[in-house]
């Protein structure tokens, strides 16, 4: 009887332990931290388990390179917040992972084995029967075997692309913007949804993105009929998207993206064979690592890295408005360093501080500039529009709408871009001109295209006058002066650019190129003369 009682007690203790463990685990799961309208911040990175001594080394490396922002989220709260994490930078190719998420949301109603022929999808250069046999899955995994010109591809992508017809669909992986752009076309065709609107309603809204606006997106067109959507987004909004994936598609207890899709899209489908600097595998519009972590990457160094096993998200940004870039090698070193210092002892009860949402102190837009819709045309035919809506003034030259903040008189600041803009109107209040460095550069490029370098130079000089504290106008002026043979003038302007930004890569590269050419020919002549003299001397001996 006693043995039986002891047995019953053990059973009770066992099930009691299981119940308590289950209760605690359930409580911890239910208490998983997610950002609300704003993020929670650890009082210090050390409370999240980051070692302070090694963090200093990471900070030095961050400052040495051209990074503009670093955001690290650990267990749902911000542990490291450096730079401009509230600024909407272009995300470039990170867009592709957003599109992958949209496919996931609709995955139950999409036939991934439907071919391009089945979906009546073609291009301006008509596809061959082999190309038309590519499946939706081939397209979203970048294995379509269609190698045609594509919107938003850089020179490297354009020049190194395989020959048309060289590989059958599904047989070969190539990082192919034609595939990614067609994936956008197919998404809209299959679901009936416009991509930017879908991102706003199905990702930005449920994730409570703080900074994203549908006006931050736009489409880039090229000779292909399939355009590329582009977006500007802040680091703290990208981190929400990353946290969604770190948690298997769950947000505050709700499954926004099917777990099966999250796993499949971030699993290794293709070998990239791009060396140690890049992830070894590619999934469905995500880069995949050996350890199961994955990332979304954009031109210039923009990176969203997700580490589900660590419940950690890392966002790295560069100021590609100023044409800053960070190498893949530096990104790899940065991410590896952050992982290494993230595994320290976490505080059992860390102090979490609620981020304050700071509203900019906006000046009211004067009535004179509240245009319903007004525009000017540049020399290349590009329309630049000014539009006042919901108490906000926007400018648009084809790369999304930028909000304008009023300064004084006719002067404004372009938000996110951080450049000045002036609006000129006539006596009856009609728009007659919009002046800003970006438009001056477009005008200069048009003039240079027709070999009118003097006019091009005058446009860039206007940009310098309007924004003398930016290195970009001086670099652009130097490029024109090099073309005109004015190397001394170019050197002077490159020195000015470097005095503003010491590590400006373009200025450094151009300056070194000029010096090399100036030293090469005199040096070569000296070598030739010395060689001639030695031969003559040997002949006499």
Protein backbone atom coordinates (compact mmCIF):
# COMPACT_ATOMS: atom_id res chain seq x y z
CA UNK A 1 0.00 0.00 0.00
CA UNK A 2 2.85 2.34 0.88
CA UNK A 3 4.58 1.45 -2.36
CA UNK A 4 1.38 2.22 -4.19
CA UNK A 5 1.09 5.56 -2.39
CA UNK A 6 4.69 6.38 -3.22
CA UNK A 7 4.00 5.48 -6.85
CA UNK A 8 0.94 7.72 -6.90
CA UNK A 9 2.97 10.55 -5.35
CA UNK A 10 5.69 10.17 -7.99
CA UNK A 11 3.09 10.22 -10.74
CA UNK A 12 1.56 13.36 -9.25
CA UNK A 13 4.97 15.01 -8.90
CA UNK A 14 5.88 14.10 -12.46
CA UNK A 15 2.65 15.44 -13.95
CA UNK A 16 2.81 18.43 -11.64
CA UNK A 17 6.32 19.17 -12.94
CA UNK A 18 5.18 18.75 -16.55
CA UNK A 19 2.22 21.04 -15.89
CA UNK A 20 4.38 23.71 -14.24
CA UNK A 21 7.02 23.48 -17.00
CA UNK A 22 4.33 23.68 -19.64
CA UNK A 23 2.76 26.65 -17.86
CA UNK A 24 6.09 28.49 -17.57
CA UNK A 25 7.05 27.68 -21.19
CA UNK A 26 3.63 28.81 -22.38
CA UNK A 27 3.97 31.98 -20.35
CA UNK A 28 7.42 32.71 -21.79
CA UNK A 29 6.16 32.05 -25.30
CA UNK A 30 3.11 34.23 -24.71
CA UNK A 31 5.40 36.89 -23.28
CA UNK A 32 7.68 36.98 -26.35
CA UNK A 33 8.52 40.59 -26.98
CA UNK A 34 7.27 42.30 -30.14
CA UNK A 35 7.43 46.01 -30.92
CA UNK A 36 4.15 47.90 -30.72
CA UNK A 37 3.95 51.38 -32.23
CA UNK A 38 7.56 51.83 -31.10
CA UNK A 39 10.39 49.46 -30.16
CA UNK A 40 11.64 48.49 -26.73
CA UNK A 41 15.38 49.09 -26.12
CA UNK A 42 17.69 47.33 -23.70
CA UNK A 43 19.19 49.79 -21.25
CA UNK A 44 22.60 48.58 -22.47
CA UNK A 45 23.82 46.00 -25.02
CA UNK A 46 25.40 44.05 -22.13
CA UNK A 47 21.93 43.29 -20.73
CA UNK A 48 21.15 41.51 -24.00
CA UNK A 49 24.31 39.41 -23.70
CA UNK A 50 26.74 41.50 -25.78
CA UNK A 51 30.27 41.75 -24.38
CA UNK A 52 31.31 45.40 -24.05
CA UNK A 53 35.06 44.95 -24.68
CA UNK A 54 34.55 43.31 -28.06
CA UNK A 55 31.67 45.65 -28.88
CA UNK A 56 34.17 48.53 -28.89
CA UNK A 57 36.13 46.76 -31.66
CA UNK A 58 32.95 46.37 -33.70
CA UNK A 59 32.21 50.08 -33.24
CA UNK A 60 35.68 51.03 -34.50
CA UNK A 61 35.24 48.85 -37.58
CA UNK A 62 31.75 50.31 -38.15
CA UNK A 63 33.14 53.85 -38.00
CA UNK A 64 36.06 52.98 -40.28
CA UNK A 65 33.79 51.76 -43.07
CA UNK A 66 31.03 53.68 -44.84
CA UNK A 67 28.14 52.27 -42.81
CA UNK A 68 25.35 54.73 -42.06
CA UNK A 69 23.39 52.63 -39.58
CA UNK A 70 23.44 49.42 -37.55
CA UNK A 71 20.44 48.00 -35.73
CA UNK A 72 20.57 44.75 -33.75
CA UNK A 73 17.40 43.21 -32.32
CA UNK A 74 17.79 40.46 -29.70
CA UNK A 75 14.77 38.59 -28.31
CA UNK A 76 12.43 41.21 -29.74
CA UNK A 77 14.07 44.36 -28.34
CA UNK A 78 16.77 46.65 -29.72
CA UNK A 79 20.21 45.92 -28.28
CA UNK A 80 22.40 48.07 -30.56
CA UNK A 81 21.21 51.26 -32.26
CA UNK A 82 23.90 53.18 -34.16
CA UNK A 83 23.39 55.77 -36.86
CA UNK A 84 20.29 56.81 -38.77
CA UNK A 85 17.94 53.90 -38.17
CA UNK A 86 14.85 56.06 -38.64
CA UNK A 87 15.97 57.31 -42.07
CA UNK A 88 14.36 55.79 -45.16
CA UNK A 89 17.23 54.63 -47.37
CA UNK A 90 16.70 52.74 -50.64
CA UNK A 91 16.60 49.01 -49.87
CA UNK A 92 17.62 47.99 -53.42
CA UNK A 93 17.50 44.17 -53.78
CA UNK A 94 16.12 43.59 -50.29
CA UNK A 95 12.84 44.20 -52.13
CA UNK A 96 13.06 40.63 -53.44
CA UNK A 97 12.66 39.12 -49.98
CA UNK A 98 9.58 41.29 -49.40
CA UNK A 99 8.15 39.86 -52.62
CA UNK A 100 8.97 36.35 -51.40
CA UNK A 101 6.89 37.09 -48.28
CA UNK A 102 3.94 38.17 -50.44
CA UNK A 103 4.18 34.91 -52.37
CA UNK A 104 4.14 33.11 -49.03
CA UNK A 105 0.99 34.88 -47.87
CA UNK A 106 -0.78 33.72 -51.07
CA UNK A 107 1.04 30.39 -51.41
CA UNK A 108 -2.06 28.24 -50.86
CA UNK A 109 -3.72 29.69 -53.97
CA UNK A 110 -0.68 29.75 -56.31
CA UNK A 111 0.20 26.94 -58.71
CA UNK A 112 4.00 27.05 -58.62
CA UNK A 113 4.21 24.48 -61.44
CA UNK A 114 2.33 26.70 -63.90
CA UNK A 115 4.57 27.71 -66.82
CA UNK A 116 5.11 31.14 -68.33
CA UNK A 117 3.18 29.87 -71.36
CA UNK A 118 0.27 28.81 -69.12
CA UNK A 119 0.18 32.28 -67.59
CA UNK A 120 0.56 34.05 -70.95
CA UNK A 121 3.75 35.77 -69.73
CA UNK A 122 6.13 37.03 -72.41
CA UNK A 123 8.45 39.97 -73.04
CA UNK A 124 9.23 42.58 -75.68
CA UNK A 125 11.87 40.17 -77.00
CA UNK A 126 9.55 37.22 -77.53
CA UNK A 127 10.42 34.17 -75.46
CA UNK A 128 11.36 30.88 -77.09
CA UNK A 129 9.41 27.67 -76.42
CA UNK A 130 12.18 26.56 -74.06
CA UNK A 131 11.98 29.83 -72.11
CA UNK A 132 8.17 29.71 -72.01
CA UNK A 133 8.38 26.30 -70.33
CA UNK A 134 9.91 27.88 -67.18
CA UNK A 135 7.68 27.38 -64.14
CA UNK A 136 6.69 29.93 -61.51
CA UNK A 137 8.95 28.07 -59.06
CA UNK A 138 11.88 28.39 -61.49
CA UNK A 139 11.30 32.14 -61.66
CA UNK A 140 11.11 32.77 -57.90
CA UNK A 141 14.19 30.59 -57.31
CA UNK A 142 16.12 32.48 -60.05
CA UNK A 143 16.47 29.37 -62.23
CA UNK A 144 14.27 30.30 -65.21
CA UNK A 145 17.03 30.05 -67.83
CA UNK A 146 15.77 33.29 -69.40
CA UNK A 147 18.67 35.70 -69.88
CA UNK A 148 17.21 38.91 -71.27
CA UNK A 149 17.81 42.59 -70.43
CA UNK A 150 16.10 43.55 -67.18
CA UNK A 151 15.16 46.69 -65.27
CA UNK A 152 17.33 47.73 -62.31
CA UNK A 153 20.32 45.55 -63.21
CA UNK A 154 23.83 46.98 -62.86
CA UNK A 155 26.68 46.73 -65.38
CA UNK A 156 28.18 43.66 -63.71
CA UNK A 157 24.87 41.79 -63.93
CA UNK A 158 24.42 42.89 -67.52
CA UNK A 159 27.92 41.97 -68.72
CA UNK A 160 28.29 38.62 -66.92
CA UNK A 161 24.87 37.22 -67.76
CA UNK A 162 24.90 33.78 -69.45
CA UNK A 163 24.18 33.66 -73.17
CA UNK A 164 20.53 33.39 -74.08
CA UNK A 165 19.43 29.76 -74.38
CA UNK A 166 22.56 28.40 -72.70
CA UNK A 167 20.64 26.67 -69.88
CA UNK A 168 17.24 25.03 -69.69
CA UNK A 169 14.74 26.15 -67.03
CA UNK A 170 15.43 24.78 -63.51
CA UNK A 171 18.92 23.51 -64.47
CA UNK A 172 21.11 26.45 -63.46
CA UNK A 173 21.05 29.19 -60.82
CA UNK A 174 22.00 32.73 -61.78
CA UNK A 175 21.23 35.89 -59.80
CA UNK A 176 18.92 37.21 -62.47
CA UNK A 177 16.92 40.44 -62.25
CA UNK A 178 14.77 39.28 -65.16
CA UNK A 179 13.48 36.49 -62.92
CA UNK A 180 12.88 38.77 -59.94
CA UNK A 181 11.05 41.37 -62.04
CA UNK A 182 8.93 38.72 -63.76
CA UNK A 183 8.16 37.33 -60.29
CA UNK A 184 6.59 40.71 -59.56
CA UNK A 185 4.57 40.63 -62.77
CA UNK A 186 3.36 37.09 -62.07
CA UNK A 187 2.41 37.95 -58.48
CA UNK A 188 0.11 40.74 -59.66
CA UNK A 189 -1.26 38.64 -62.52
CA UNK A 190 -2.07 35.66 -60.27
CA UNK A 191 -3.35 37.50 -57.18
CA UNK A 192 -4.79 40.64 -58.76
CA UNK A 193 -2.84 42.74 -56.24
CA UNK A 194 -0.45 45.60 -56.93
CA UNK A 195 2.86 44.93 -55.17
CA UNK A 196 3.39 48.22 -53.33
CA UNK A 197 -0.19 48.27 -52.09
CA UNK A 198 0.12 44.67 -50.97
CA UNK A 199 3.32 45.43 -49.02
CA UNK A 200 1.49 48.30 -47.31
CA UNK A 201 -1.59 46.28 -46.32
CA UNK A 202 -0.17 42.81 -45.72
CA UNK A 203 3.23 43.60 -44.21
CA UNK A 204 3.61 47.25 -43.15
CA UNK A 205 0.18 47.53 -41.48
CA UNK A 206 0.17 44.31 -39.40
CA UNK A 207 3.83 44.80 -38.43
CA UNK A 208 3.03 48.41 -37.42
CA UNK A 209 5.94 49.80 -39.42
CA UNK A 210 6.73 53.25 -38.04
CA UNK A 211 8.14 54.98 -41.09
CA UNK A 212 6.91 53.18 -44.21
CA UNK A 213 4.52 54.97 -46.58
CA UNK A 214 3.19 53.60 -49.84
CA UNK A 215 4.61 56.75 -51.49
CA UNK A 216 8.11 55.44 -50.67
CA UNK A 217 7.79 52.90 -53.47
CA UNK A 218 7.98 53.24 -57.23
CA UNK A 219 8.62 51.25 -60.41
CA UNK A 220 11.69 51.26 -62.66
CA UNK A 221 11.10 50.51 -66.33
CA UNK A 222 13.56 49.40 -69.02
CA UNK A 223 13.49 47.74 -72.44
CA UNK A 224 11.82 44.74 -70.82
CA UNK A 225 8.07 45.02 -70.28
CA UNK A 226 8.59 43.77 -66.71
CA UNK A 227 9.33 46.66 -64.36
CA UNK A 228 11.24 46.48 -61.08
CA UNK A 229 9.59 47.85 -57.95
CA UNK A 230 11.85 49.80 -55.60
CA UNK A 231 11.30 50.96 -52.02
CA UNK A 232 12.82 53.25 -49.42
CA UNK A 233 12.54 51.89 -45.89
CA UNK A 234 14.03 52.60 -42.47
CA UNK A 235 16.18 50.10 -40.56
CA UNK A 236 13.67 49.87 -37.72
CA UNK A 237 10.93 48.90 -40.19
CA UNK A 238 13.16 46.36 -41.93
CA UNK A 239 13.94 44.90 -38.50
CA UNK A 240 10.22 44.24 -37.95
CA UNK A 241 10.15 42.25 -41.17
CA UNK A 242 13.27 40.37 -40.07
CA UNK A 243 11.76 39.59 -36.66
CA UNK A 244 8.66 38.19 -38.38
CA UNK A 245 10.90 35.70 -40.20
CA UNK A 246 13.03 34.98 -37.12
CA UNK A 247 9.79 33.93 -35.40
CA UNK A 248 8.68 31.64 -38.23
CA UNK A 249 6.13 34.04 -39.74
CA UNK A 250 4.37 34.67 -36.41
CA UNK A 251 3.61 38.19 -35.20
CA UNK A 252 2.08 38.65 -31.77
CA UNK A 253 0.55 35.18 -31.85
CA UNK A 254 -0.82 35.49 -35.38
CA UNK A 255 0.61 33.45 -38.28
CA UNK A 256 1.02 36.15 -40.96
CA UNK A 257 3.11 33.96 -43.29
CA UNK A 258 2.72 30.16 -43.33
CA UNK A 259 5.50 28.52 -41.33
CA UNK A 260 6.08 26.01 -44.13
CA UNK A 261 6.76 28.88 -46.54
CA UNK A 262 9.19 30.60 -44.18
CA UNK A 263 11.15 27.35 -43.84
CA UNK A 264 11.07 26.51 -47.56
CA UNK A 265 11.91 29.99 -48.83
CA UNK A 266 14.87 30.36 -46.46
CA UNK A 267 16.29 26.86 -47.08
CA UNK A 268 19.14 26.08 -49.47
CA UNK A 269 17.76 25.45 -52.96
CA UNK A 270 20.75 26.51 -55.06
CA UNK A 271 24.51 26.75 -54.62
CA UNK A 272 25.65 30.30 -55.35
CA UNK A 273 29.35 29.52 -56.00
CA UNK A 274 30.26 33.17 -55.37
CA UNK A 275 33.15 32.70 -52.95
CA UNK A 276 33.52 33.18 -49.20
CA UNK A 277 32.30 36.78 -49.22
CA UNK A 278 28.72 35.80 -50.15
CA UNK A 279 26.35 33.25 -48.60
CA UNK A 280 26.82 29.79 -50.15
CA UNK A 281 23.15 29.14 -50.90
CA UNK A 282 20.04 30.81 -52.28
CA UNK A 283 16.44 29.99 -51.44
CA UNK A 284 13.30 31.70 -52.73
CA UNK A 285 14.62 35.26 -52.93
CA UNK A 286 16.66 34.88 -49.71
CA UNK A 287 20.41 34.27 -49.26
CA UNK A 288 21.08 31.25 -47.03
CA UNK A 289 24.04 30.36 -44.79
CA UNK A 290 25.44 26.98 -43.69
CA UNK A 291 24.17 27.47 -40.12
CA UNK A 292 20.56 28.02 -41.20
CA UNK A 293 20.60 31.80 -40.87
CA UNK A 294 19.55 33.83 -43.90
CA UNK A 295 19.66 37.36 -45.26
CA UNK A 296 18.25 39.86 -47.72
CA UNK A 297 20.88 42.01 -49.43
CA UNK A 298 20.84 45.18 -51.48
CA UNK A 299 23.33 47.08 -53.61
CA UNK A 300 25.90 49.15 -51.71
CA UNK A 301 25.84 47.05 -48.56
CA UNK A 302 22.22 47.19 -47.35
CA UNK A 303 21.71 43.99 -45.36
CA UNK A 304 18.92 42.38 -43.35
CA UNK A 305 20.34 39.29 -41.60
CA UNK A 306 18.11 36.90 -39.64
CA UNK A 307 19.34 34.38 -37.03
CA UNK A 308 16.33 32.32 -35.84
CA UNK A 309 18.39 30.12 -33.48
CA UNK A 310 19.60 33.26 -31.67
CA UNK A 311 16.27 35.12 -32.01
CA UNK A 312 18.36 37.94 -33.47
CA UNK A 313 18.03 40.34 -36.40
CA UNK A 314 20.81 42.57 -37.76
CA UNK A 315 20.25 45.49 -40.14
CA UNK A 316 23.17 47.25 -41.84
CA UNK A 317 22.71 50.36 -44.01
CA UNK A 318 24.86 52.57 -46.24
CA UNK A 319 24.06 56.00 -47.63
CA UNK A 320 23.56 55.07 -51.26
CA UNK A 321 22.02 58.50 -51.80
CA UNK A 322 25.66 59.65 -51.59
CA UNK A 323 26.79 56.59 -53.58
CA UNK A 324 28.48 55.06 -50.52
CA UNK A 325 29.27 51.36 -50.71
CA UNK A 326 30.61 48.73 -48.32
CA UNK A 327 32.24 45.57 -49.65
CA UNK A 328 30.74 42.11 -49.19
CA UNK A 329 33.92 41.20 -47.29
CA UNK A 330 33.34 44.02 -44.77
CA UNK A 331 29.70 43.01 -44.34
CA UNK A 332 30.75 39.42 -43.67
CA UNK A 333 33.30 40.60 -41.09
CA UNK A 334 30.73 42.86 -39.42
CA UNK A 335 28.07 40.14 -39.18
CA UNK A 336 30.57 37.55 -37.92
CA UNK A 337 31.75 39.97 -35.25
CA UNK A 338 28.22 40.71 -34.06
CA UNK A 339 27.40 37.00 -33.80
CA UNK A 340 30.60 36.37 -31.83
CA UNK A 341 29.84 39.03 -29.22
CA UNK A 342 26.11 38.20 -28.90
CA UNK A 343 26.49 34.98 -26.91
CA UNK A 344 27.37 36.39 -23.51
CA UNK A 345 25.35 36.06 -20.31
CA UNK A 346 22.00 37.83 -20.60
CA UNK A 347 20.38 39.55 -17.64
CA UNK A 348 17.51 37.50 -16.25
CA UNK A 349 15.48 40.69 -15.77
CA UNK A 350 16.82 43.25 -18.25
CA UNK A 351 15.70 46.88 -18.11
CA UNK A 352 13.70 47.66 -21.22
CA UNK A 353 13.04 51.25 -22.23
CA UNK A 354 10.20 52.28 -24.54
CA UNK A 355 11.37 54.19 -27.59
CA UNK A 356 9.86 57.65 -27.86
CA UNK A 357 8.29 58.47 -31.20
CA UNK A 358 9.65 61.90 -32.03
CA UNK A 359 7.50 63.92 -34.37
CA UNK A 360 9.41 66.44 -36.44
CA UNK A 361 8.51 70.05 -35.76
CA UNK A 362 7.09 70.87 -39.18
CA UNK A 363 6.52 74.34 -40.49
CA UNK A 364 3.25 74.83 -42.29
CA UNK A 365 3.53 74.85 -46.09
CA UNK A 366 2.71 78.38 -47.37
CA UNK A 367 -0.42 78.62 -49.51
CA UNK A 368 1.69 79.71 -52.49
CA UNK A 369 3.27 76.25 -52.77
CA UNK A 370 0.19 74.10 -52.16
CA UNK A 371 -0.02 72.87 -55.74
CA UNK A 372 -2.71 70.31 -56.44
CA UNK A 373 -0.48 68.93 -59.18
CA UNK A 374 2.12 71.00 -61.01
CA UNK A 375 5.14 69.92 -63.03
CA UNK A 376 8.10 71.01 -65.12
CA UNK A 377 9.92 69.13 -67.89
CA UNK A 378 13.69 68.62 -67.92
CA UNK A 379 15.77 68.68 -71.10
CA UNK A 380 15.50 64.89 -71.45
CA UNK A 381 11.71 65.04 -71.26
CA UNK A 382 11.49 63.83 -67.65
CA UNK A 383 8.53 65.35 -65.80
CA UNK A 384 9.17 66.56 -62.26
CA UNK A 385 6.00 67.10 -60.27
CA UNK A 386 5.05 68.93 -57.08
CA UNK A 387 1.95 67.74 -55.25
CA UNK A 388 0.28 68.85 -52.00
CA UNK A 389 -1.78 66.17 -50.27
CA UNK A 390 -2.88 65.62 -46.66
CA UNK A 391 -1.03 68.71 -45.47
CA UNK A 392 2.21 67.39 -47.00
CA UNK A 393 4.14 68.62 -50.03
CA UNK A 394 5.86 66.02 -52.24
CA UNK A 395 8.30 66.16 -55.14
CA UNK A 396 8.57 63.29 -57.61
CA UNK A 397 11.08 62.81 -60.46
CA UNK A 398 10.31 59.15 -61.06
CA UNK A 399 11.99 57.54 -58.05
CA UNK A 400 9.11 57.72 -55.60
CA UNK A 401 7.64 60.72 -53.82
CA UNK A 402 9.93 62.60 -51.46
CA UNK A 403 8.35 64.69 -48.71
CA UNK A 404 9.42 68.34 -48.55
CA UNK A 405 9.97 70.20 -45.28
CA UNK A 406 9.60 73.97 -45.46
CA UNK A 407 12.54 76.15 -44.36
CA UNK A 408 11.93 79.75 -45.41
CA UNK A 409 11.19 81.91 -48.45
CA UNK A 410 11.11 79.41 -51.34
CA UNK A 411 13.51 76.91 -49.75
CA UNK A 412 12.75 73.35 -48.66
CA UNK A 413 14.64 70.25 -47.51
CA UNK A 414 13.99 66.90 -49.21
CA UNK A 415 13.31 64.37 -46.46
CA UNK A 416 15.47 61.21 -46.37
CA UNK A 417 17.63 62.57 -49.20
CA UNK A 418 18.62 65.54 -46.98
CA UNK A 419 19.19 67.91 -49.89
CA UNK A 420 17.95 71.48 -50.46
CA UNK A 421 15.23 72.33 -52.97
CA UNK A 422 13.89 75.65 -54.23
CA UNK A 423 10.54 76.29 -55.90
CA UNK A 424 10.11 79.23 -58.26
CA UNK A 425 6.70 80.61 -59.19
CA UNK A 426 5.66 83.51 -61.43
CA UNK A 427 3.57 86.55 -60.52
CA UNK A 428 0.32 84.62 -60.82
CA UNK A 429 1.51 81.72 -58.67
CA UNK A 430 2.28 79.24 -61.45
CA UNK A 431 5.20 76.84 -61.08
CA UNK A 432 8.09 77.80 -63.36
CA UNK A 433 11.09 75.93 -61.93
CA UNK A 434 12.26 73.37 -59.35
CA UNK A 435 15.90 73.59 -58.34
CA UNK A 436 17.76 70.85 -56.49
CA UNK A 437 21.18 69.18 -56.99
CA UNK A 438 19.62 65.89 -58.08
CA UNK A 439 17.84 67.57 -61.00
CA UNK A 440 21.00 69.51 -61.90
CA UNK A 441 22.84 66.18 -62.18
CA UNK A 442 20.13 64.80 -64.47
CA UNK A 443 20.44 67.90 -66.67
CA UNK A 444 24.24 67.54 -66.67
CA UNK A 445 24.00 63.90 -67.71
CA UNK A 446 21.70 64.85 -70.60
CA UNK A 447 24.17 67.52 -71.79
CA UNK A 448 27.12 65.09 -71.48
CA UNK A 449 25.20 62.51 -73.51
CA UNK A 450 25.27 64.97 -76.41
CA UNK A 451 28.95 65.85 -75.77
CA UNK A 452 28.11 69.33 -74.51
CA UNK A 453 30.54 69.17 -71.60
CA UNK A 454 30.59 72.93 -70.99
CA UNK A 455 26.84 72.93 -70.37
CA UNK A 456 27.20 69.80 -68.23
CA UNK A 457 29.87 71.54 -66.18
CA UNK A 458 27.65 74.58 -65.65
CA UNK A 459 24.82 72.38 -64.29
CA UNK A 460 27.15 70.71 -61.79
CA UNK A 461 28.51 74.09 -60.69
CA UNK A 462 24.91 75.04 -59.84
CA UNK A 463 24.70 71.93 -57.66
CA UNK A 464 27.90 72.98 -55.84
CA UNK A 465 26.52 76.46 -55.25
CA UNK A 466 23.30 75.04 -53.83
CA UNK A 467 24.86 72.26 -51.73
CA UNK A 468 28.56 73.08 -51.12
CA UNK A 469 28.88 70.67 -48.19
CA UNK A 470 28.25 67.52 -50.20
CA UNK A 471 31.18 65.66 -51.86
CA UNK A 472 29.06 64.40 -54.77
CA UNK A 473 28.96 67.63 -56.86
CA UNK A 474 32.76 68.01 -56.64
CA UNK A 475 33.27 64.39 -57.75
CA UNK A 476 30.87 64.84 -60.66
CA UNK A 477 32.56 68.08 -61.70
CA UNK A 478 35.94 66.33 -61.59
CA UNK A 479 34.64 63.60 -63.91
CA UNK A 480 33.62 66.21 -66.48
CA UNK A 481 36.93 68.05 -66.13
CA UNK A 482 38.84 64.81 -66.72
CA UNK A 483 36.85 64.32 -69.93
CA UNK A 484 37.74 67.87 -70.97
CA UNK A 485 41.43 67.31 -70.20
CA UNK A 486 41.47 69.67 -67.21
CA UNK A 487 43.27 67.33 -64.82
CA UNK A 488 44.49 70.08 -62.47
CA UNK A 489 40.94 71.37 -62.04
CA UNK A 490 39.76 67.80 -61.47
CA UNK A 491 42.42 67.24 -58.79
CA UNK A 492 41.40 70.43 -57.03
CA UNK A 493 37.74 69.39 -56.92
CA UNK A 494 38.57 65.87 -55.79
CA UNK A 495 40.63 67.35 -52.95
CA UNK A 496 37.58 69.42 -51.96
CA UNK A 497 35.43 66.27 -52.00
CA UNK A 498 37.95 64.48 -49.78
CA UNK A 499 38.11 67.43 -47.38
CA UNK A 500 34.35 67.00 -46.88
CA UNK A 501 34.43 63.21 -46.73
CA UNK A 502 37.87 61.71 -46.13
CA UNK A 503 36.93 58.17 -47.16
CA UNK A 504 34.92 58.98 -50.28
CA UNK A 505 35.79 55.99 -52.47
CA UNK A 506 34.98 57.63 -55.81
CA UNK A 507 37.09 60.69 -55.06
CA UNK A 508 40.02 58.56 -53.87
CA UNK A 509 39.87 56.30 -56.90
CA UNK A 510 39.72 59.16 -59.41
CA UNK A 511 42.49 61.10 -57.66
CA UNK A 512 44.80 58.07 -57.64
CA UNK A 513 44.01 57.43 -61.30
CA UNK A 514 45.04 60.98 -62.24
CA UNK A 515 48.26 60.75 -60.22
CA UNK A 516 49.10 57.39 -61.77
CA UNK A 517 48.70 58.75 -65.29
CA UNK A 518 50.70 61.87 -64.49
CA UNK A 519 53.54 59.81 -63.03
CA UNK A 520 53.39 56.92 -65.48
CA UNK A 521 54.44 58.64 -68.71
CA UNK A 522 57.34 60.69 -67.27
CA UNK A 523 58.48 57.58 -65.40
CA UNK A 524 58.23 55.51 -68.57
CA UNK A 525 60.31 58.07 -70.49
CA UNK A 526 62.99 57.99 -67.77
CA UNK A 527 63.10 54.18 -67.91
CA UNK A 528 63.41 54.26 -71.71
CA UNK A 529 66.24 56.82 -71.55
CA UNK A 530 68.05 54.86 -68.81
CA UNK A 531 67.68 51.66 -70.83
CA UNK A 532 68.98 53.39 -73.97
CA UNK A 533 71.94 54.80 -72.02
CA UNK A 534 72.83 51.39 -70.52
CA UNK A 535 72.72 49.72 -73.93
CA UNK A 536 74.95 52.47 -75.36
CA UNK A 537 77.35 52.16 -72.42
CA UNK A 538 77.62 48.39 -72.82
CA UNK A 539 78.32 48.87 -76.52
CA UNK A 540 81.22 51.19 -75.76
CA UNK A 541 82.68 48.80 -73.17
